[in-house]
C-alpha atoms as a PDB file:
ATOM      1  CA  MET A   1    -125.909  47.826 -83.014  1.00  0.00           C
ATOM      2  CA  ARG A   2    -125.521  44.857 -83.955  1.00  0.00           C
ATOM      3  CA  ASP A   3    -125.952  44.350 -80.416  1.00  0.00           C
ATOM      4  CA  ASP A   4    -129.304  45.438 -80.390  1.00  0.00           C
ATOM      5  CA  ILE A   5    -130.542  42.769 -83.173  1.00  0.00           C
ATOM      6  CA  ASP A   6    -129.110  40.105 -81.066  1.00  0.00           C
ATOM      7  CA  ASP A   7    -130.064  41.266 -77.227  1.00  0.00           C
ATOM      8  CA  PRO A   8    -132.350  37.986 -76.021  1.00  0.00           C
ATOM      9  CA  SER A   9    -134.617  40.303 -73.895  1.00  0.00           C
ATOM     10  CA  LEU A  10    -135.675  42.671 -77.262  1.00  0.00           C
ATOM     11  CA  ARG A  11    -135.717  39.908 -79.215  1.00  0.00           C
ATOM     12  CA  SER A  12    -138.806  37.895 -76.563  1.00  0.00           C
ATOM     13  CA  LEU A  13    -140.368  41.451 -76.656  1.00  0.00           C
ATOM     14  CA  PHE A  14    -141.265  41.075 -80.119  1.00  0.00           C
ATOM     15  CA  ARG A  15    -141.941  37.686 -80.095  1.00  0.00           C
ATOM     16  CA  ALA A  16    -144.462  38.606 -78.077  1.00  0.00           C
ATOM     17  CA  ALA A  17    -145.698  41.674 -79.355  1.00  0.00           C
ATOM     18  CA  ALA A  18    -146.169  39.683 -82.691  1.00  0.00           C
ATOM     19  CA  ASP A  19    -147.965  36.392 -80.401  1.00  0.00           C
ATOM     20  CA  HIS A  20    -150.484  38.877 -79.279  1.00  0.00           C
ATOM     21  CA  GLY A  21    -151.185  40.705 -82.725  1.00  0.00           C
ATOM     22  CA  ARG A  22    -151.493  36.894 -83.922  1.00  0.00           C
ATOM     23  CA  ARG A  23    -154.105  36.017 -81.097  1.00  0.00           C
ATOM     24  CA  HIS A  24    -156.395  38.981 -81.646  1.00  0.00           C
ATOM     25  CA  ALA A  25    -156.175  39.692 -85.354  1.00  0.00           C
ATOM     26  CA  THR A  26    -159.376  38.095 -87.107  1.00  0.00           C
ATOM     27  CA  PRO A  27    -159.657  37.696 -90.826  1.00  0.00           C
ATOM     28  CA  LEU A  28    -162.297  39.887 -92.640  1.00  0.00           C
ATOM     29  CA  PRO A  29    -165.795  37.869 -93.415  1.00  0.00           C
ATOM     30  CA  VAL A  30    -165.532  36.841 -97.432  1.00  0.00           C
ATOM     31  CA  ALA A  31    -168.656  39.258 -97.879  1.00  0.00           C
ATOM     32  CA  GLN A  32    -166.684  41.902 -97.295  1.00  0.00           C
ATOM     33  CA  VAL A  33    -163.299  41.378 -99.188  1.00  0.00           C
ATOM     34  CA  VAL A  34    -165.860  40.849-102.259  1.00  0.00           C
ATOM     35  CA  GLU A  35    -167.763  43.845-101.842  1.00  0.00           C
ATOM     36  CA  ARG A  36    -164.421  46.129-101.225  1.00  0.00           C
ATOM     37  CA  GLY A  37    -163.423  43.869-104.423  1.00  0.00           C
ATOM     38  CA  ARG A  38    -166.774  45.093-106.426  1.00  0.00           C
ATOM     39  CA  ARG A  39    -166.250  48.979-105.414  1.00  0.00           C
ATOM     40  CA  SER A  40    -162.917  49.067-106.662  1.00  0.00           C
ATOM     41  CA  HIS A  41    -164.095  47.440-109.893  1.00  0.00           C
ATOM     42  CA  ARG A  42    -166.463  49.586-110.645  1.00  0.00           C
ATOM     43  CA  ARG A  43    -164.148  52.537-109.704  1.00  0.00           C
ATOM     44  CA  ARG A  44    -161.749  51.638-112.252  1.00  0.00           C
ATOM     45  CA  VAL A  45    -164.345  51.082-114.856  1.00  0.00           C
ATOM     46  CA  ALA A  46    -166.127  54.421-114.094  1.00  0.00           C
ATOM     47  CA  LEU A  47    -162.605  55.998-114.276  1.00  0.00           C
ATOM     48  CA  ALA A  48    -161.610  54.648-117.650  1.00  0.00           C
ATOM     49  CA  LEU A  49    -165.119  56.002-118.942  1.00  0.00           C
ATOM     50  CA  VAL A  50    -164.561  59.034-118.113  1.00  0.00           C
ATOM     51  CA  SER A  51    -161.399  59.056-119.814  1.00  0.00           C
ATOM     52  CA  ALA A  52    -162.369  57.467-122.678  1.00  0.00           C
ATOM     53  CA  SER A  53    -165.184  60.500-123.325  1.00  0.00           C
ATOM     54  CA  ALA A  54    -162.267  62.998-122.075  1.00  0.00           C
ATOM     55  CA  VAL A  55    -160.577  61.730-125.167  1.00  0.00           C
ATOM     56  CA  ALA A  56    -162.987  61.148-127.615  1.00  0.00           C
ATOM     57  CA  ALA A  57    -164.371  65.076-126.577  1.00  0.00           C
ATOM     58  CA  LEU A  58    -160.920  66.202-127.421  1.00  0.00           C
ATOM     59  CA  GLY A  59    -160.919  63.785-130.622  1.00  0.00           C
ATOM     60  CA  VAL A  60    -163.751  66.118-131.985  1.00  0.00           C
ATOM     61  CA  VAL A  61    -163.033  69.711-130.710  1.00  0.00           C
ATOM     62  CA  THR A  62    -159.630  68.879-132.498  1.00  0.00           C
ATOM     63  CA  ALA A  63    -161.151  67.688-135.589  1.00  0.00           C
ATOM     64  CA  VAL A  64    -164.220  70.597-135.826  1.00  0.00           C
ATOM     65  CA  GLY A  65    -160.731  72.789-135.700  1.00  0.00           C
ATOM     66  CA  LEU A  66    -159.034  71.169-138.731  1.00  0.00           C
ATOM     67  CA  VAL A  67    -162.203  71.532-140.748  1.00  0.00           C
ATOM     68  CA  PRO A  68    -161.658  74.769-143.392  1.00  0.00           C
ATOM     69  CA  GLU A  69    -164.997  77.319-142.981  1.00  0.00           C
ATOM     70  CA  THR A  70    -166.747  77.812-145.684  1.00  0.00           C
ATOM     71  CA  SER A  71    -167.103  81.193-147.109  1.00  0.00           C
ATOM     72  CA  GLY A  72    -170.861  81.255-147.656  1.00  0.00           C
ATOM     73  CA  PRO A  73    -173.831  79.281-147.837  1.00  0.00           C
ATOM     74  CA  ALA A  74    -174.128  76.344-150.185  1.00  0.00           C
ATOM     75  CA  LEU A  75    -176.396  77.480-153.172  1.00  0.00           C
ATOM     76  CA  PRO A  76    -178.642  74.268-154.228  1.00  0.00           C
ATOM     77  CA  ALA A  77    -177.871  72.269-157.456  1.00  0.00           C
ATOM     78  CA  THR A  78    -180.214  73.341-160.557  1.00  0.00           C
ATOM     79  CA  SER A  79    -180.231  72.524-163.839  1.00  0.00           C
ATOM     80  CA  PRO A  80    -179.108  74.439-166.002  1.00  0.00           C
ATOM     81  CA  SER A  81    -176.650  76.073-163.758  1.00  0.00           C
ATOM     82  CA  SER A  82    -178.316  79.499-163.594  1.00  0.00           C
ATOM     83  CA  PRO A  83    -175.300  82.601-163.318  1.00  0.00           C
ATOM     84  CA  LEU A  84    -174.406  83.832-159.651  1.00  0.00           C
ATOM     85  CA  PRO A  85    -175.650  86.828-158.592  1.00  0.00           C
ATOM     86  CA  GLY A  86    -172.026  89.534-158.533  1.00  0.00           C
ATOM     87  CA  PRO A  87    -171.077  92.418-160.281  1.00  0.00           C
ATOM     88  CA  THR A  88    -171.783  93.970-162.990  1.00  0.00           C
ATOM     89  CA  THR A  89    -169.805  93.436-166.470  1.00  0.00           C
ATOM     90  CA  SER A  90    -169.061  96.820-166.926  1.00  0.00           C
ATOM     91  CA  PRO A  91    -165.296  97.648-166.221  1.00  0.00           C
ATOM     92  CA  PRO A  92    -164.257  98.988-162.994  1.00  0.00           C
ATOM     93  CA  PRO A  93    -163.331 102.855-163.130  1.00  0.00           C
ATOM     94  CA  GLY A  94    -159.573 103.922-163.773  1.00  0.00           C
ATOM     95  CA  PRO A  95    -156.979 104.364-161.438  1.00  0.00           C
ATOM     96  CA  LEU A  96    -156.901 107.959-159.338  1.00  0.00           C
ATOM     97  CA  PRO A  97    -154.069 109.557-159.572  1.00  0.00           C
ATOM     98  CA  THR A  98    -151.965 109.852-156.344  1.00  0.00           C
ATOM     99  CA  GLU A  99    -149.255 112.255-155.594  1.00  0.00           C
ATOM    100  CA  THR A 100    -146.902 109.371-155.610  1.00  0.00           C
ATOM    101  CA  ASP A 101    -148.161 108.711-158.931  1.00  0.00           C
ATOM    102  CA  PRO A 102    -145.015 108.232-161.551  1.00  0.00           C
ATOM    103  CA  GLY A 103    -146.690 109.643-164.652  1.00  0.00           C
ATOM    104  CA  ARG A 104    -147.646 112.675-162.969  1.00  0.00           C
ATOM    105  CA  THR A 105    -145.685 115.428-163.622  1.00  0.00           C
ATOM    106  CA  LEU A 106    -144.978 118.285-161.359  1.00  0.00           C
ATOM    107  CA  PRO A 107    -145.535 122.026-162.414  1.00  0.00           C
ATOM    108  CA  PRO A 108    -142.351 124.191-162.547  1.00  0.00           C
ATOM    109  CA  ALA A 109    -141.265 125.472-159.696  1.00  0.00           C
ATOM    110  CA  THR A 110    -140.604 129.376-159.237  1.00  0.00           C
ATOM    111  CA  PRO A 111    -137.927 131.053-157.732  1.00  0.00           C
ATOM    112  CA  GLY A 112    -138.885 132.263-154.321  1.00  0.00           C
ATOM    113  CA  THR A 113    -141.617 129.693-153.631  1.00  0.00           C
ATOM    114  CA  THR A 114    -140.738 126.614-151.584  1.00  0.00           C
ATOM    115  CA  THR A 115    -142.527 122.539-152.847  1.00  0.00           C
ATOM    116  CA  LEU A 116    -143.296 119.770-150.894  1.00  0.00           C
ATOM    117  CA  HIS A 117    -142.208 116.344-152.162  1.00  0.00           C
ATOM    118  CA  GLY A 118    -143.658 113.605-150.427  1.00  0.00           C
END
């Protein structure tokens, strides 16, 4: 394989192709190079702005999600404070007896009947 690199005919073909390319190559006008650089700069700035906006929006969404919810509308401050509307001061009714109430006694079972205990 080393023989291909050292082949004088192959080397001369590559040199001829390089000379041909150099003769036909023309540099770009300065205005075109400057415009290409400006477009590239505008794209980078736009990408940075979109990225910053997305980060800011995600921050706002996260902050809103972390704020505790209030249980109702805030009442305006009054002086002197008036009592809040709410339940009356009457005592709550007593608990209703249930089947599992430990204080309740069951009637005595009579022979020949079946009772269900839950």
